[in-house]
Amino acid sequence: MSKYELAVVLTTKIEDDQRAAAIEKIKDLIARFGGTVTNVDEWGKKRLAYEIQKMKEGFYYFITFEAEPTCPGEIEQRMRIMDNVIRYLCIKQDA
């Protein structure tokens, strides 16, 4: 199993409980495809480097997990259609 880090930026137009539900949904996706979440780091509301969909701020989350090499692709496919996700990036961490 390889180690990965998933960076997620959520919109600021949602409530706290909706944000928590979105992160739980992402964690469930990781678990469904055989991954194990090791850490969720919430950075809070930060200013975006550039405007995305007329938004200047977003909520940043960094999720580290261990999974098989096919898991990140499956997660990215499903995150692409999630409404509250502005941007995401999944990278493999060095051993």
PDB file of N, CA and C in Angstrom:
ATOM      1  N   MET A   1       0.840  -1.184   0.000  1.00  0.00           N
ATOM      2  CA  MET A   1       0.000   0.000   0.000  1.00  0.00           C
ATOM      3  C   MET A   1       0.880   1.240   0.000  1.00  0.00           C
ATOM      4  N   SER A   2       0.455   2.235  -0.745  1.00  0.00           N
ATOM      5  CA  SER A   2       1.186   3.487  -0.856  1.00  0.00           C
ATOM      6  C   SER A   2       0.517   4.562  -0.023  1.00  0.00           C
ATOM      7  N   LYS A   3       1.283   5.594   0.324  1.00  0.00           N
ATOM      8  CA  LYS A   3       0.752   6.717   1.095  1.00  0.00           C
ATOM      9  C   LYS A   3       0.431   7.863   0.139  1.00  0.00           C
ATOM     10  N   TYR A   4      -0.724   8.484   0.367  1.00  0.00           N
ATOM     11  CA  TYR A   4      -1.182   9.581  -0.471  1.00  0.00           C
ATOM     12  C   TYR A   4      -1.629  10.742   0.391  1.00  0.00           C
ATOM     13  N   GLU A   5      -1.616  11.934  -0.206  1.00  0.00           N
ATOM     14  CA  GLU A   5      -2.164  13.118   0.444  1.00  0.00           C
ATOM     15  C   GLU A   5      -3.165  13.748  -0.518  1.00  0.00           C
ATOM     16  N   LEU A   6      -4.354  14.004  -0.005  1.00  0.00           N
ATOM     17  CA  LEU A   6      -5.432  14.591  -0.793  1.00  0.00           C
ATOM     18  C   LEU A   6      -5.705  15.988  -0.261  1.00  0.00           C
ATOM     19  N   ALA A   7      -5.503  16.989  -1.104  1.00  0.00           N
ATOM     20  CA  ALA A   7      -5.816  18.365  -0.742  1.00  0.00           C
ATOM     21  C   ALA A   7      -7.181  18.704  -1.328  1.00  0.00           C
ATOM     22  N   VAL A   8      -8.068  19.236  -0.493  1.00  0.00           N
ATOM     23  CA  VAL A   8      -9.425  19.548  -0.917  1.00  0.00           C
ATOM     24  C   VAL A   8      -9.747  20.982  -0.517  1.00  0.00           C
ATOM     25  N   VAL A   9     -10.326  21.733  -1.449  1.00  0.00           N
ATOM     26  CA  VAL A   9     -10.797  23.088  -1.157  1.00  0.00           C
ATOM     27  C   VAL A   9     -12.315  23.085  -1.337  1.00  0.00           C
ATOM     28  N   LEU A  10     -13.017  23.404  -0.247  1.00  0.00           N
ATOM     29  CA  LEU A  10     -14.478  23.449  -0.272  1.00  0.00           C
ATOM     30  C   LEU A  10     -14.960  24.892  -0.340  1.00  0.00           C
ATOM     31  N   THR A  11     -16.138  25.086  -0.907  1.00  0.00           N
ATOM     32  CA  THR A  11     -16.723  26.414  -1.023  1.00  0.00           C
ATOM     33  C   THR A  11     -17.061  26.987   0.354  1.00  0.00           C
ATOM     34  N   THR A  12     -17.071  28.305   0.444  1.00  0.00           N
ATOM     35  CA  THR A  12     -17.423  28.970   1.704  1.00  0.00           C
ATOM     36  C   THR A  12     -18.916  29.238   1.800  1.00  0.00           C
ATOM     37  N   LYS A  13     -19.676  28.860   0.784  1.00  0.00           N
ATOM     38  CA  LYS A  13     -21.112  29.131   0.760  1.00  0.00           C
ATOM     39  C   LYS A  13     -21.939  28.087   1.500  1.00  0.00           C
ATOM     40  N   ILE A  14     -21.290  27.128   2.155  1.00  0.00           N
ATOM     41  CA  ILE A  14     -22.020  26.082   2.865  1.00  0.00           C
ATOM     42  C   ILE A  14     -21.827  26.222   4.372  1.00  0.00           C
ATOM     43  N   GLU A  15     -22.732  25.622   5.119  1.00  0.00           N
ATOM     44  CA  GLU A  15     -22.686  25.665   6.582  1.00  0.00           C
ATOM     45  C   GLU A  15     -21.669  24.663   7.124  1.00  0.00           C
ATOM     46  N   ASP A  16     -21.381  24.761   8.432  1.00  0.00           N
ATOM     47  CA  ASP A  16     -20.407  23.882   9.081  1.00  0.00           C
ATOM     48  C   ASP A  16     -20.794  22.412   8.970  1.00  0.00           C
ATOM     49  N   ASP A  17     -22.082  22.104   9.174  1.00  0.00           N
ATOM     50  CA  ASP A  17     -22.505  20.708   9.130  1.00  0.00           C
ATOM     51  C   ASP A  17     -22.422  20.135   7.720  1.00  0.00           C
ATOM     52  N   GLN A  18     -22.658  20.960   6.707  1.00  0.00           N
ATOM     53  CA  GLN A  18     -22.523  20.504   5.325  1.00  0.00           C
ATOM     54  C   GLN A  18     -21.055  20.248   4.971  1.00  0.00           C
ATOM     55  N   ARG A  19     -20.162  21.090   5.509  1.00  0.00           N
ATOM     56  CA  ARG A  19     -18.719  20.889   5.288  1.00  0.00           C
ATOM     57  C   ARG A  19     -18.270  19.587   5.923  1.00  0.00           C
ATOM     58  N   ALA A  20     -18.717  19.349   7.151  1.00  0.00           N
ATOM     59  CA  ALA A  20     -18.363  18.108   7.848  1.00  0.00           C
ATOM     60  C   ALA A  20     -18.903  16.898   7.088  1.00  0.00           C
ATOM     61  N   ALA A  21     -20.116  17.013   6.545  1.00  0.00           N
ATOM     62  CA  ALA A  21     -20.705  15.916   5.776  1.00  0.00           C
ATOM     63  C   ALA A  21     -19.920  15.662   4.492  1.00  0.00           C
ATOM     64  N   ALA A  22     -19.433  16.721   3.852  1.00  0.00           N
ATOM     65  CA  ALA A  22     -18.637  16.559   2.624  1.00  0.00           C
ATOM     66  C   ALA A  22     -17.322  15.843   2.921  1.00  0.00           C
ATOM     67  N   ILE A  23     -16.672  16.196   4.027  1.00  0.00           N
ATOM     68  CA  ILE A  23     -15.408  15.539   4.395  1.00  0.00           C
ATOM     69  C   ILE A  23     -15.666  14.083   4.760  1.00  0.00           C
ATOM     70  N   GLU A  24     -16.769  13.810   5.469  1.00  0.00           N
ATOM     71  CA  GLU A  24     -17.116  12.415   5.798  1.00  0.00           C
ATOM     72  C   GLU A  24     -17.382  11.606   4.533  1.00  0.00           C
ATOM     73  N   LYS A  25     -18.016  12.229   3.553  1.00  0.00           N
ATOM     74  CA  LYS A  25     -18.287  11.547   2.284  1.00  0.00           C
ATOM     75  C   LYS A  25     -16.979  11.187   1.573  1.00  0.00           C
ATOM     76  N   ILE A  26     -16.012  12.092   1.618  1.00  0.00           N
ATOM     77  CA  ILE A  26     -14.706  11.835   1.005  1.00  0.00           C
ATOM     78  C   ILE A  26     -13.995  10.714   1.756  1.00  0.00           C
ATOM     79  N   LYS A  27     -14.061  10.738   3.091  1.00  0.00           N
ATOM     80  CA  LYS A  27     -13.440   9.670   3.881  1.00  0.00           C
ATOM     81  C   LYS A  27     -14.102   8.320   3.595  1.00  0.00           C
ATOM     82  N   ASP A  28     -15.427   8.328   3.410  1.00  0.00           N
ATOM     83  CA  ASP A  28     -16.140   7.095   3.064  1.00  0.00           C
ATOM     84  C   ASP A  28     -15.725   6.581   1.684  1.00  0.00           C
ATOM     85  N   LEU A  29     -15.492   7.500   0.740  1.00  0.00           N
ATOM     86  CA  LEU A  29     -15.020   7.096  -0.588  1.00  0.00           C
ATOM     87  C   LEU A  29     -13.666   6.392  -0.493  1.00  0.00           C
ATOM     88  N   ILE A  30     -12.789   6.955   0.318  1.00  0.00           N
ATOM     89  CA  ILE A  30     -11.461   6.354   0.492  1.00  0.00           C
ATOM     90  C   ILE A  30     -11.602   4.953   1.074  1.00  0.00           C
ATOM     91  N   ALA A  31     -12.456   4.817   2.077  1.00  0.00           N
ATOM     92  CA  ALA A  31     -12.662   3.507   2.711  1.00  0.00           C
ATOM     93  C   ALA A  31     -13.313   2.518   1.742  1.00  0.00           C
ATOM     94  N   ARG A  32     -14.238   2.989   0.919  1.00  0.00           N
ATOM     95  CA  ARG A  32     -14.936   2.104  -0.015  1.00  0.00           C
ATOM     96  C   ARG A  32     -13.984   1.496  -1.041  1.00  0.00           C
ATOM     97  N   PHE A  33     -12.957   2.239  -1.422  1.00  0.00           N
ATOM     98  CA  PHE A  33     -12.009   1.737  -2.410  1.00  0.00           C
ATOM     99  C   PHE A  33     -10.756   1.146  -1.776  1.00  0.00           C
ATOM    100  N   GLY A  34     -10.865   0.736  -0.523  1.00  0.00           N
ATOM    101  CA  GLY A  34      -9.800  -0.009   0.128  1.00  0.00           C
ATOM    102  C   GLY A  34      -8.729   0.816   0.800  1.00  0.00           C
ATOM    103  N   GLY A  35      -8.959   2.088   0.990  1.00  0.00           N
ATOM    104  CA  GLY A  35      -7.970   2.940   1.634  1.00  0.00           C
ATOM    105  C   GLY A  35      -8.227   3.083   3.116  1.00  0.00           C
ATOM    106  N   THR A  36      -7.209   3.570   3.835  1.00  0.00           N
ATOM    107  CA  THR A  36      -7.306   3.811   5.267  1.00  0.00           C
ATOM    108  C   THR A  36      -6.865   5.241   5.551  1.00  0.00           C
ATOM    109  N   VAL A  37      -7.771   6.058   6.070  1.00  0.00           N
ATOM    110  CA  VAL A  37      -7.456   7.451   6.396  1.00  0.00           C
ATOM    111  C   VAL A  37      -6.590   7.472   7.649  1.00  0.00           C
ATOM    112  N   THR A  38      -5.440   8.141   7.567  1.00  0.00           N
ATOM    113  CA  THR A  38      -4.541   8.224   8.719  1.00  0.00           C
ATOM    114  C   THR A  38      -4.619   9.574   9.422  1.00  0.00           C
ATOM    115  N   ASN A  39      -4.954  10.651   8.677  1.00  0.00           N
ATOM    116  CA  ASN A  39      -4.995  11.974   9.296  1.00  0.00           C
ATOM    117  C   ASN A  39      -5.851  12.911   8.444  1.00  0.00           C
ATOM    118  N   VAL A  40      -6.602  13.785   9.108  1.00  0.00           N
ATOM    119  CA  VAL A  40      -7.344  14.849   8.437  1.00  0.00           C
ATOM    120  C   VAL A  40      -6.909  16.159   9.070  1.00  0.00           C
ATOM    121  N   ASP A  41      -6.304  17.027   8.278  1.00  0.00           N
ATOM    122  CA  ASP A  41      -5.787  18.299   8.768  1.00  0.00           C
ATOM    123  C   ASP A  41      -6.645  19.425   8.198  1.00  0.00           C
ATOM    124  N   GLU A  42      -7.361  20.126   9.072  1.00  0.00           N
ATOM    125  CA  GLU A  42      -8.224  21.224   8.644  1.00  0.00           C
ATOM    126  C   GLU A  42      -7.472  22.536   8.803  1.00  0.00           C
ATOM    127  N   TRP A  43      -7.292  23.259   7.712  1.00  0.00           N
ATOM    128  CA  TRP A  43      -6.592  24.540   7.755  1.00  0.00           C
ATOM    129  C   TRP A  43      -7.552  25.712   7.912  1.00  0.00           C
ATOM    130  N   GLY A  44      -8.832  25.488   7.695  1.00  0.00           N
ATOM    131  CA  GLY A  44      -9.814  26.554   7.852  1.00  0.00           C
ATOM    132  C   GLY A  44      -9.963  27.390   6.593  1.00  0.00           C
ATOM    133  N   LYS A  45     -10.559  28.565   6.765  1.00  0.00           N
ATOM    134  CA  LYS A  45     -10.836  29.454   5.629  1.00  0.00           C
ATOM    135  C   LYS A  45      -9.567  30.222   5.259  1.00  0.00           C
ATOM    136  N   LYS A  46      -9.185  30.110   3.995  1.00  0.00           N
ATOM    137  CA  LYS A  46      -8.000  30.809   3.485  1.00  0.00           C
ATOM    138  C   LYS A  46      -8.359  31.501   2.174  1.00  0.00           C
ATOM    139  N   ARG A  47      -7.616  32.516   1.855  1.00  0.00           N
ATOM    140  CA  ARG A  47      -7.787  33.229   0.585  1.00  0.00           C
ATOM    141  C   ARG A  47      -7.192  32.382  -0.537  1.00  0.00           C
ATOM    142  N   LEU A  48      -7.922  32.293  -1.649  1.00  0.00           N
ATOM    143  CA  LEU A  48      -7.445  31.543  -2.812  1.00  0.00           C
ATOM    144  C   LEU A  48      -6.383  32.364  -3.551  1.00  0.00           C
ATOM    145  N   ALA A  49      -5.502  31.689  -4.249  1.00  0.00           N
ATOM    146  CA  ALA A  49      -4.459  32.371  -5.004  1.00  0.00           C
ATOM    147  C   ALA A  49      -5.058  33.188  -6.150  1.00  0.00           C
ATOM    148  N   TYR A  50      -6.162  32.692  -6.696  1.00  0.00           N
ATOM    149  CA  TYR A  50      -6.871  33.409  -7.758  1.00  0.00           C
ATOM    150  C   TYR A  50      -8.357  33.069  -7.637  1.00  0.00           C
ATOM    151  N   GLU A  51      -9.184  33.889  -8.220  1.00  0.00           N
ATOM    152  CA  GLU A  51     -10.626  33.721  -8.113  1.00  0.00           C
ATOM    153  C   GLU A  51     -11.085  32.476  -8.880  1.00  0.00           C
ATOM    154  N   ILE A  52     -11.896  31.646  -8.231  1.00  0.00           N
ATOM    155  CA  ILE A  52     -12.446  30.440  -8.850  1.00  0.00           C
ATOM    156  C   ILE A  52     -13.957  30.516  -8.720  1.00  0.00           C
ATOM    157  N   GLN A  53     -14.668  30.457  -9.823  1.00  0.00           N
ATOM    158  CA  GLN A  53     -16.135  30.519  -9.827  1.00  0.00           C
ATOM    159  C   GLN A  53     -16.648  31.719  -9.028  1.00  0.00           C
ATOM    160  N   LYS A  54     -16.000  32.845  -9.194  1.00  0.00           N
ATOM    161  CA  LYS A  54     -16.336  34.113  -8.522  1.00  0.00           C
ATOM    162  C   LYS A  54     -16.193  34.034  -7.005  1.00  0.00           C
ATOM    163  N   MET A  55     -15.364  33.114  -6.507  1.00  0.00           N
ATOM    164  CA  MET A  55     -15.098  33.002  -5.077  1.00  0.00           C
ATOM    165  C   MET A  55     -13.638  33.360  -4.812  1.00  0.00           C
ATOM    166  N   LYS A  56     -13.408  34.046  -3.708  1.00  0.00           N
ATOM    167  CA  LYS A  56     -12.050  34.466  -3.360  1.00  0.00           C
ATOM    168  C   LYS A  56     -11.490  33.703  -2.169  1.00  0.00           C
ATOM    169  N   GLU A  57     -12.351  32.937  -1.457  1.00  0.00           N
ATOM    170  CA  GLU A  57     -11.917  32.173  -0.294  1.00  0.00           C
ATOM    171  C   GLU A  57     -12.456  30.751  -0.363  1.00  0.00           C
ATOM    172  N   GLY A  58     -11.791  29.859   0.368  1.00  0.00           N
ATOM    173  CA  GLY A  58     -12.241  28.478   0.445  1.00  0.00           C
ATOM    174  C   GLY A  58     -11.761  27.834   1.736  1.00  0.00           C
ATOM    175  N   PHE A  59     -12.386  26.718   2.091  1.00  0.00           N
ATOM    176  CA  PHE A  59     -11.967  25.957   3.267  1.00  0.00           C
ATOM    177  C   PHE A  59     -11.012  24.855   2.821  1.00  0.00           C
ATOM    178  N   TYR A  60      -9.825  24.825   3.402  1.00  0.00           N
ATOM    179  CA  TYR A  60      -8.777  23.880   3.007  1.00  0.00           C
ATOM    180  C   TYR A  60      -8.728  22.683   3.955  1.00  0.00           C
ATOM    181  N   TYR A  61      -8.621  21.487   3.367  1.00  0.00           N
ATOM    182  CA  TYR A  61      -8.469  20.239   4.114  1.00  0.00           C
ATOM    183  C   TYR A  61      -7.369  19.418   3.459  1.00  0.00           C
ATOM    184  N   PHE A  62      -6.560  18.771   4.281  1.00  0.00           N
ATOM    185  CA  PHE A  62      -5.522  17.865   3.798  1.00  0.00           C
ATOM    186  C   PHE A  62      -5.746  16.503   4.450  1.00  0.00           C
ATOM    187  N   ILE A  63      -6.018  15.499   3.630  1.00  0.00           N
ATOM    188  CA  ILE A  63      -6.331  14.153   4.117  1.00  0.00           C
ATOM    189  C   ILE A  63      -5.204  13.223   3.692  1.00  0.00           C
ATOM    190  N   THR A  64      -4.535  12.603   4.662  1.00  0.00           N
ATOM    191  CA  THR A  64      -3.513  11.607   4.337  1.00  0.00           C
ATOM    192  C   THR A  64      -4.122  10.229   4.515  1.00  0.00           C
ATOM    193  N   PHE A  65      -3.789   9.338   3.576  1.00  0.00           N
ATOM    194  CA  PHE A  65      -4.344   7.988   3.622  1.00  0.00           C
ATOM    195  C   PHE A  65      -3.414   7.011   2.932  1.00  0.00           C
ATOM    196  N   GLU A  66      -3.620   5.736   3.248  1.00  0.00           N
ATOM    197  CA  GLU A  66      -2.883   4.645   2.613  1.00  0.00           C
ATOM    198  C   GLU A  66      -3.859   3.869   1.761  1.00  0.00           C
ATOM    199  N   ALA A  67      -3.435   3.520   0.535  1.00  0.00           N
ATOM    200  CA  ALA A  67      -4.339   2.806  -0.364  1.00  0.00           C
ATOM    201  C   ALA A  67      -3.546   2.136  -1.483  1.00  0.00           C
ATOM    202  N   GLU A  68      -4.246   1.297  -2.224  1.00  0.00           N
ATOM    203  CA  GLU A  68      -3.687   0.677  -3.420  1.00  0.00           C
ATOM    204  C   GLU A  68      -3.593   1.734  -4.525  1.00  0.00           C
ATOM    205  N   PRO A  69      -2.765   1.516  -5.542  1.00  0.00           N
ATOM    206  CA  PRO A  69      -2.573   2.520  -6.601  1.00  0.00           C
ATOM    207  C   PRO A  69      -3.827   2.873  -7.407  1.00  0.00           C
ATOM    208  N   THR A  70      -4.849   2.040  -7.403  1.00  0.00           N
ATOM    209  CA  THR A  70      -6.058   2.343  -8.172  1.00  0.00           C
ATOM    210  C   THR A  70      -7.017   3.270  -7.423  1.00  0.00           C
ATOM    211  N   CYS A  71      -6.856   3.390  -6.129  1.00  0.00           N
ATOM    212  CA  CYS A  71      -7.781   4.161  -5.279  1.00  0.00           C
ATOM    213  C   CYS A  71      -7.813   5.659  -5.618  1.00  0.00           C
ATOM    214  N   PRO A  72      -6.691   6.356  -5.777  1.00  0.00           N
ATOM    215  CA  PRO A  72      -6.756   7.798  -6.047  1.00  0.00           C
ATOM    216  C   PRO A  72      -7.536   8.153  -7.314  1.00  0.00           C
ATOM    217  N   GLY A  73      -7.407   7.367  -8.351  1.00  0.00           N
ATOM    218  CA  GLY A  73      -8.148   7.635  -9.577  1.00  0.00           C
ATOM    219  C   GLY A  73      -9.647   7.524  -9.382  1.00  0.00           C
ATOM    220  N   GLU A  74     -10.063   6.519  -8.618  1.00  0.00           N
ATOM    221  CA  GLU A  74     -11.486   6.334  -8.337  1.00  0.00           C
ATOM    222  C   GLU A  74     -12.025   7.491  -7.490  1.00  0.00           C
ATOM    223  N   ILE A  75     -11.252   7.928  -6.521  1.00  0.00           N
ATOM    224  CA  ILE A  75     -11.676   9.033  -5.655  1.00  0.00           C
ATOM    225  C   ILE A  75     -11.801  10.320  -6.474  1.00  0.00           C
ATOM    226  N   GLU A  76     -10.818  10.591  -7.320  1.00  0.00           N
ATOM    227  CA  GLU A  76     -10.851  11.803  -8.133  1.00  0.00           C
ATOM    228  C   GLU A  76     -12.041  11.815  -9.079  1.00  0.00           C
ATOM    229  N   GLN A  77     -12.406  10.672  -9.642  1.00  0.00           N
ATOM    230  CA  GLN A  77     -13.572  10.605 -10.520  1.00  0.00           C
ATOM    231  C   GLN A  77     -14.840  11.041  -9.797  1.00  0.00           C
ATOM    232  N   ARG A  78     -14.992  10.604  -8.561  1.00  0.00           N
ATOM    233  CA  ARG A  78     -16.194  10.939  -7.813  1.00  0.00           C
ATOM    234  C   ARG A  78     -16.161  12.349  -7.234  1.00  0.00           C
ATOM    235  N   MET A  79     -14.971  12.850  -6.898  1.00  0.00           N
ATOM    236  CA  MET A  79     -14.863  14.215  -6.371  1.00  0.00           C
ATOM    237  C   MET A  79     -15.116  15.251  -7.468  1.00  0.00           C
ATOM    238  N   ARG A  80     -14.857  14.883  -8.703  1.00  0.00           N
ATOM    239  CA  ARG A  80     -15.039  15.792  -9.831  1.00  0.00           C
ATOM    240  C   ARG A  80     -16.491  16.273  -9.925  1.00  0.00           C
ATOM    241  N   ILE A  81     -17.447  15.438  -9.489  1.00  0.00           N
ATOM    242  CA  ILE A  81     -18.854  15.806  -9.616  1.00  0.00           C
ATOM    243  C   ILE A  81     -19.490  16.259  -8.293  1.00  0.00           C
ATOM    244  N   MET A  82     -18.708  16.362  -7.242  1.00  0.00           N
ATOM    245  CA  MET A  82     -19.237  16.842  -5.958  1.00  0.00           C
ATOM    246  C   MET A  82     -19.443  18.358  -6.027  1.00  0.00           C
ATOM    247  N   ASP A  83     -20.612  18.817  -5.576  1.00  0.00           N
ATOM    248  CA  ASP A  83     -20.984  20.231  -5.702  1.00  0.00           C
ATOM    249  C   ASP A  83     -20.124  21.171  -4.869  1.00  0.00           C
ATOM    250  N   ASN A  84     -19.819  20.804  -3.644  1.00  0.00           N
ATOM    251  CA  ASN A  84     -19.151  21.716  -2.714  1.00  0.00           C
ATOM    252  C   ASN A  84     -17.641  21.759  -2.869  1.00  0.00           C
ATOM    253  N   VAL A  85     -17.071  20.900  -3.708  1.00  0.00           N
ATOM    254  CA  VAL A  85     -15.625  20.857  -3.899  1.00  0.00           C
ATOM    255  C   VAL A  85     -15.232  21.823  -5.014  1.00  0.00           C
ATOM    256  N   ILE A  86     -14.383  22.803  -4.674  1.00  0.00           N
ATOM    257  CA  ILE A  86     -13.901  23.755  -5.674  1.00  0.00           C
ATOM    258  C   ILE A  86     -12.705  23.160  -6.416  1.00  0.00           C
ATOM    259  N   ARG A  87     -11.716  22.677  -5.654  1.00  0.00           N
ATOM    260  CA  ARG A  87     -10.507  22.085  -6.227  1.00  0.00           C
ATOM    261  C   ARG A  87     -10.063  20.914  -5.358  1.00  0.00           C
ATOM    262  N   TYR A  88      -9.311  20.001  -5.960  1.00  0.00           N
ATOM    263  CA  TYR A  88      -8.737  18.870  -5.258  1.00  0.00           C
ATOM    264  C   TYR A  88      -7.452  18.455  -5.948  1.00  0.00           C
ATOM    265  N   LEU A  89      -6.576  17.818  -5.200  1.00  0.00           N
ATOM    266  CA  LEU A  89      -5.332  17.305  -5.756  1.00  0.00           C
ATOM    267  C   LEU A  89      -4.873  16.154  -4.886  1.00  0.00           C
ATOM    268  N   CYS A  90      -4.620  15.022  -5.520  1.00  0.00           N
ATOM    269  CA  CYS A  90      -4.146  13.837  -4.809  1.00  0.00           C
ATOM    270  C   CYS A  90      -2.735  13.522  -5.281  1.00  0.00           C
ATOM    271  N   ILE A  91      -1.790  13.464  -4.345  1.00  0.00           N
ATOM    272  CA  ILE A  91      -0.410  13.158  -4.699  1.00  0.00           C
ATOM    273  C   ILE A  91       0.095  11.984  -3.875  1.00  0.00           C
ATOM    274  N   LYS A  92       1.031  11.251  -4.451  1.00  0.00           N
ATOM    275  CA  LYS A  92       1.654  10.141  -3.754  1.00  0.00           C
ATOM    276  C   LYS A  92       2.829  10.679  -2.954  1.00  0.00           C
ATOM    277  N   GLN A  93       2.902  10.299  -1.687  1.00  0.00           N
ATOM    278  CA  GLN A  93       3.999  10.738  -0.833  1.00  0.00           C
ATOM    279  C   GLN A  93       5.183   9.805  -1.010  1.00  0.00           C
ATOM    280  N   ASP A  94       6.386  10.353  -0.866  1.00  0.00           N
ATOM    281  CA  ASP A  94       7.602   9.545  -0.971  1.00  0.00           C
ATOM    282  C   ASP A  94       7.707   8.582   0.197  1.00  0.00           C
ATOM    283  N   ALA A  95       8.321   7.457  -0.054  1.00  0.00           N
ATOM    284  CA  ALA A  95       8.461   6.423   0.975  1.00  0.00           C
ATOM    285  C   ALA A  95       9.446   6.813   2.046  1.00  0.00           C
TER     286      ALA A  95
END
